[in-house]
N, C-alpha and C. Protein backbone atom coordinates (compact mmCIF):
# COMPACT_ATOMS: atom_id res chain seq x y z
N MET A 1 42.38 19.93 -4.97
CA MET A 1 41.82 18.69 -4.62
C MET A 1 40.20 19.06 -3.07
N ALA A 2 41.32 19.76 -2.39
CA ALA A 2 40.74 20.14 -1.17
C ALA A 2 39.30 21.09 -1.69
N ILE A 3 39.80 21.89 -2.78
CA ILE A 3 38.44 23.08 -3.05
C ILE A 3 37.42 21.84 -3.44
N ALA A 4 37.93 21.33 -4.52
CA ALA A 4 36.91 20.04 -5.21
C ALA A 4 36.18 19.42 -4.06
N ALA A 5 37.06 18.58 -2.82
CA ALA A 5 36.27 17.98 -2.27
C ALA A 5 35.35 19.16 -1.22
N THR A 6 35.78 19.81 -1.05
CA THR A 6 34.96 21.20 -0.15
C THR A 6 33.53 21.44 -0.98
N MET A 7 33.56 21.66 -2.44
CA MET A 7 32.55 21.92 -2.90
C MET A 7 31.44 21.04 -3.44
N GLY A 8 32.15 19.66 -3.23
CA GLY A 8 31.51 18.13 -3.54
C GLY A 8 30.66 18.03 -2.19
N ALA A 9 31.40 18.16 -1.02
CA ALA A 9 30.41 18.39 0.28
C ALA A 9 29.42 19.51 0.26
N MET A 10 29.50 20.52 -0.07
CA MET A 10 28.53 21.26 -0.24
C MET A 10 27.71 21.16 -0.77
N ALA A 11 27.78 20.39 -1.90
CA ALA A 11 26.62 20.19 -2.82
C ALA A 11 26.21 19.12 -2.07
N PHE A 12 26.81 18.06 -1.85
CA PHE A 12 26.03 17.12 -1.50
C PHE A 12 24.94 17.16 0.03
N GLN A 13 25.34 18.59 0.52
CA GLN A 13 24.04 18.50 1.36
C GLN A 13 23.28 19.42 1.05
N LYS A 14 23.00 19.88 -0.10
CA LYS A 14 21.85 20.93 -0.47
C LYS A 14 20.84 19.89 -0.87
N GLY A 15 19.76 20.06 -0.03
CA GLY A 15 18.52 19.57 -0.52
C GLY A 15 18.28 18.69 -0.19
N LEU A 16 19.12 17.62 0.76
CA LEU A 16 18.53 15.88 0.89
C LEU A 16 17.63 15.61 2.20
N GLY A 17 17.28 16.80 2.78
CA GLY A 17 15.82 16.25 3.42
C GLY A 17 16.76 16.06 4.78
N CYS A 18 15.30 15.91 5.53
CA CYS A 18 15.27 15.62 6.85
C CYS A 18 16.21 14.43 7.19
N VAL A 19 15.69 13.28 6.46
CA VAL A 19 16.67 12.05 6.91
C VAL A 19 17.65 11.97 6.88
N HIS A 20 18.27 12.08 5.95
CA HIS A 20 19.99 12.63 5.22
C HIS A 20 20.33 13.54 6.58
N SER A 21 19.77 14.71 6.60
CA SER A 21 20.36 15.51 7.71
C SER A 21 20.16 14.82 9.26
N LEU A 22 19.49 14.07 9.76
CA LEU A 22 19.77 13.36 10.72
C LEU A 22 20.69 12.65 10.79
N SER A 23 20.56 11.70 9.63
CA SER A 23 21.78 10.71 9.37
C SER A 23 23.26 11.48 9.42
N HIS A 24 23.48 12.30 8.72
CA HIS A 24 24.57 13.01 8.71
C HIS A 24 24.75 13.29 10.07
N ALA A 25 24.15 14.16 11.06
CA ALA A 25 24.33 14.56 12.05
C ALA A 25 24.79 13.67 13.06
N LEU A 26 24.40 12.74 13.54
CA LEU A 26 24.60 11.65 14.08
C LEU A 26 25.74 10.62 13.66
N GLY A 27 26.00 10.41 12.33
CA GLY A 27 27.13 9.70 12.06
C GLY A 27 28.16 10.44 12.52
N GLY A 28 27.78 11.75 12.14
CA GLY A 28 29.34 12.93 12.20
C GLY A 28 29.71 12.77 13.94
N ILE A 29 28.92 12.48 15.02
CA ILE A 29 28.95 12.35 16.07
C ILE A 29 29.82 11.15 16.81
N ASN A 30 29.16 10.14 15.65
CA ASN A 30 30.08 9.10 16.15
C ASN A 30 29.80 7.75 14.84
N PRO A 31 31.44 7.70 14.12
CA PRO A 31 31.62 6.88 12.92
C PRO A 31 31.07 6.05 12.72
N ARG A 32 30.84 5.60 13.66
CA ARG A 32 30.81 3.91 13.81
C ARG A 32 29.23 3.59 13.43
N LEU A 33 28.10 4.72 13.26
CA LEU A 33 26.87 4.77 13.04
C LEU A 33 27.09 4.15 11.61
N HIS A 34 26.21 3.78 10.92
CA HIS A 34 26.09 3.46 9.61
C HIS A 34 24.80 4.31 8.87
N HIS A 35 25.40 4.95 7.91
CA HIS A 35 24.55 6.01 7.70
C HIS A 35 23.26 5.48 6.93
N GLY A 36 23.58 4.24 6.48
CA GLY A 36 22.11 3.86 5.68
C GLY A 36 21.32 3.10 6.64
N THR A 37 21.59 2.51 7.94
CA THR A 37 20.89 1.95 8.67
C THR A 37 20.47 3.40 9.52
N LEU A 38 20.87 4.22 9.61
CA LEU A 38 20.33 5.66 10.04
C LEU A 38 19.21 6.12 9.22
N ASN A 39 19.41 5.94 8.09
CA ASN A 39 18.68 6.57 7.13
C ASN A 39 16.88 5.41 7.32
N ALA A 40 17.20 4.43 7.34
CA ALA A 40 16.44 3.33 7.63
C ALA A 40 15.64 4.08 8.59
N ILE A 41 15.89 4.17 10.09
CA ILE A 41 15.60 4.24 11.27
C ILE A 41 15.00 5.56 11.19
N PHE A 42 15.32 6.49 10.60
CA PHE A 42 14.95 7.58 10.79
C PHE A 42 13.38 7.89 9.44
N MET A 43 13.69 7.50 8.50
CA MET A 43 12.59 7.64 7.57
C MET A 43 11.11 7.29 8.27
N PRO A 44 10.59 6.20 8.80
CA PRO A 44 9.34 6.28 8.91
C PRO A 44 8.80 7.87 9.96
N ALA A 45 9.63 8.11 11.01
CA ALA A 45 9.52 9.62 11.43
C ALA A 45 9.15 10.57 11.23
N VAL A 46 10.68 10.82 9.73
CA VAL A 46 10.20 11.48 8.81
C VAL A 46 8.83 11.93 7.96
N LEU A 47 8.69 10.35 7.65
CA LEU A 47 7.53 10.80 6.75
C LEU A 47 6.43 11.18 7.49
N ALA A 48 6.01 10.57 8.98
CA ALA A 48 5.08 11.04 9.88
C ALA A 48 5.11 12.23 10.08
N PHE A 49 6.05 12.52 9.94
CA PHE A 49 6.64 14.47 10.22
C PHE A 49 5.73 15.50 8.84
N ASN A 50 6.30 14.73 7.97
CA ASN A 50 5.90 15.62 6.85
C ASN A 50 4.16 15.33 6.56
N ARG A 51 4.17 14.25 7.02
CA ARG A 51 2.37 13.97 6.53
C ARG A 51 1.47 15.08 7.27
N ALA A 52 2.33 15.48 8.17
CA ALA A 52 1.25 16.52 9.51
C ALA A 52 1.25 17.94 8.42
N ALA A 53 1.95 17.90 7.31
CA ALA A 53 2.26 19.53 6.47
C ALA A 53 0.73 19.89 5.92
N PRO A 54 0.40 20.97 6.66
CA PRO A 54 -0.83 21.73 6.02
C PRO A 54 -0.68 21.92 4.42
N THR A 55 -0.55 20.67 3.56
CA THR A 55 -0.74 21.04 2.35
C THR A 55 -1.22 20.11 1.89
N SER A 56 -1.69 20.10 0.71
CA SER A 56 -2.21 18.81 -0.27
C SER A 56 -1.05 18.43 -1.16
N ILE A 57 0.02 19.33 -0.89
CA ILE A 57 1.32 18.64 -1.86
C ILE A 57 1.76 17.79 -0.85
N ALA A 58 1.88 17.31 0.30
CA ALA A 58 2.62 16.44 0.76
C ALA A 58 1.33 15.01 0.62
N GLU A 59 0.05 15.37 0.46
CA GLU A 59 -0.89 13.94 0.09
C GLU A 59 -0.59 13.47 -0.99
N ASP A 60 -0.38 14.43 -2.19
CA ASP A 60 -0.07 14.32 -3.24
C ASP A 60 1.12 13.09 -3.32
N LYS A 61 1.94 13.85 -2.45
CA LYS A 61 3.39 12.87 -2.43
C LYS A 61 3.25 11.69 -1.84
N PHE A 62 2.70 11.49 -0.74
CA PHE A 62 1.98 10.27 -0.30
C PHE A 62 1.38 9.25 -1.13
N THR A 63 0.58 9.85 -1.95
CA THR A 63 -0.38 8.70 -3.06
C THR A 63 0.28 7.89 -3.57
N ARG A 64 1.33 9.12 -4.62
CA ARG A 64 2.23 8.50 -5.18
C ARG A 64 3.48 7.51 -4.74
N ILE A 65 3.68 7.98 -3.46
CA ILE A 65 4.86 6.78 -3.01
C ILE A 65 4.39 5.64 -2.50
N ALA A 66 3.07 5.59 -2.19
CA ALA A 66 1.82 4.41 -2.02
C ALA A 66 1.36 3.51 -3.30
N ALA A 67 1.36 4.25 -4.26
CA ALA A 67 1.06 3.84 -5.50
C ALA A 67 2.69 3.23 -6.03
N ALA A 68 3.92 3.36 -6.07
CA ALA A 68 5.06 3.56 -6.26
C ALA A 68 4.80 1.80 -5.58
N MET A 69 5.10 1.86 -4.39
CA MET A 69 5.17 0.40 -3.57
C MET A 69 4.07 -0.52 -3.41
N GLY A 70 2.95 -0.34 -4.56
CA GLY A 70 1.93 -1.11 -4.74
C GLY A 70 1.22 -1.50 -3.03
N LEU A 71 1.02 -0.28 -2.58
CA LEU A 71 0.13 -0.16 -1.17
C LEU A 71 -1.49 0.51 -1.77
N GLY A 72 -2.53 0.12 -1.47
CA GLY A 72 -3.50 0.50 -1.16
C GLY A 72 -3.78 1.71 -0.99
N SER A 73 -3.62 2.13 0.26
CA SER A 73 -3.62 3.29 0.77
C SER A 73 -2.50 4.16 0.88
N SER A 74 -2.28 5.93 0.95
CA SER A 74 -1.02 6.37 1.12
C SER A 74 -0.93 6.33 2.67
N ASP A 75 -2.12 6.03 3.53
CA ASP A 75 -2.06 5.78 5.04
C ASP A 75 -0.64 4.79 5.56
N ALA A 76 -0.56 3.62 4.60
CA ALA A 76 0.10 2.67 4.89
C ALA A 76 1.57 2.84 4.79
N VAL A 77 1.87 4.04 4.18
CA VAL A 77 3.70 4.22 3.75
C VAL A 77 4.54 3.94 4.80
N GLU A 78 4.17 4.83 5.96
CA GLU A 78 5.42 4.81 7.17
C GLU A 78 5.03 3.13 7.83
N ALA A 79 4.23 2.55 7.90
CA ALA A 79 4.33 1.16 8.46
C ALA A 79 4.83 0.33 7.22
N ALA A 80 4.68 0.57 6.25
CA ALA A 80 5.52 -0.27 5.15
C ALA A 80 6.88 0.03 5.12
N ILE A 81 7.27 0.94 5.38
CA ILE A 81 9.02 1.18 4.96
C ILE A 81 9.58 0.19 6.55
N THR A 82 8.67 0.56 7.64
CA THR A 82 9.34 -0.17 8.85
C THR A 82 9.29 -1.64 8.48
N ASP A 83 8.34 -1.92 8.26
CA ASP A 83 8.15 -3.49 7.99
C ASP A 83 9.09 -4.12 6.82
N MET A 84 9.18 -3.25 6.07
CA MET A 84 10.56 -3.70 4.85
C MET A 84 11.98 -3.73 5.62
N THR A 85 12.29 -2.36 6.49
CA THR A 85 13.43 -1.89 7.21
C THR A 85 13.48 -3.74 8.16
N ARG A 86 12.39 -3.88 8.93
CA ARG A 86 12.62 -4.79 9.49
C ARG A 86 12.61 -6.50 9.17
N ALA A 87 12.18 -6.45 8.08
CA ALA A 87 12.27 -7.49 7.22
C ALA A 87 13.60 -7.70 6.46
N ILE A 88 14.65 -6.85 6.37
CA ILE A 88 15.70 -7.30 5.81
C ILE A 88 17.28 -7.13 7.50
N GLY A 89 16.44 -7.02 7.92
CA GLY A 89 16.82 -7.51 9.65
C GLY A 89 17.75 -6.04 9.80
N LEU A 90 17.14 -4.82 9.61
CA LEU A 90 17.69 -3.63 10.13
C LEU A 90 16.65 -3.41 11.57
N PRO A 91 17.75 -2.46 12.61
CA PRO A 91 17.01 -1.77 13.87
C PRO A 91 15.87 -1.00 13.17
N THR A 92 15.09 -0.87 13.98
CA THR A 92 13.92 0.08 13.49
C THR A 92 14.05 1.12 14.17
N ARG A 93 14.72 1.39 15.66
CA ARG A 93 14.85 2.24 16.34
C ARG A 93 16.37 2.57 16.81
N LEU A 94 16.57 3.53 17.57
CA LEU A 94 18.23 3.60 17.43
C LEU A 94 18.70 2.87 18.32
N SER A 95 17.80 2.80 19.70
CA SER A 95 18.14 1.65 21.03
C SER A 95 18.47 0.13 20.09
N GLY A 96 18.21 -0.12 18.62
CA GLY A 96 18.34 -1.29 18.21
C GLY A 96 19.72 -1.12 17.89
N ILE A 97 20.75 -0.52 17.65
CA ILE A 97 21.62 -0.46 16.73
C ILE A 97 22.73 -1.10 17.55
N GLY A 98 22.66 -1.04 19.07
CA GLY A 98 23.72 -1.69 20.10
C GLY A 98 24.97 -1.30 20.31
N ARG A 99 25.47 -1.68 21.13
CA ARG A 99 26.77 -1.17 21.79
C ARG A 99 27.69 -1.51 21.03
N ASN A 100 27.76 -2.05 20.03
CA ASN A 100 29.17 -1.88 18.93
C ASN A 100 29.21 -0.87 18.06
N ALA A 101 28.42 0.06 18.55
CA ALA A 101 27.96 1.53 17.20
C ALA A 101 28.77 2.37 18.73
N ARG A 102 28.53 2.09 20.05
CA ARG A 102 29.31 3.34 20.95
C ARG A 102 30.77 3.96 20.51
N PRO A 103 31.28 4.98 20.67
CA PRO A 103 32.27 5.27 20.52
C PRO A 103 33.25 4.64 21.68
N VAL A 104 34.28 4.69 21.17
CA VAL A 104 35.52 4.42 22.03
C VAL A 104 36.08 5.24 23.42
C-alpha cells in the first residue's frame, strides 16, 4: 500500500501545472488551507502569466477557453474567472482567506 500510495502521489503531481503546484505547496505548509480555494485564487494570476508566453500556442488556448466560457474575447478570461470566484463567495486573494486558516 505504501508503494502504491507513493506511485499515485508521484503520478498525481506530474503535469498538473502551476495552479496546482502553488496550491499543493501552500497547502503543504498549512493544511487548513483548502486546495480548491487556493486553486481559485491562483488561477487568474497563472493565466495572466501564461498569456505573456511568446507563442501563438498560448493565444490559441485562450481563444478556446473564451469560446468554451461563452466570452466574446480571449482578453476577458482572467476577469471572468475572478468574477466567477467572487460570485460563488470565494476569496480572490490570499489575504481574503482569513485568520481561521492560520496554523495553531
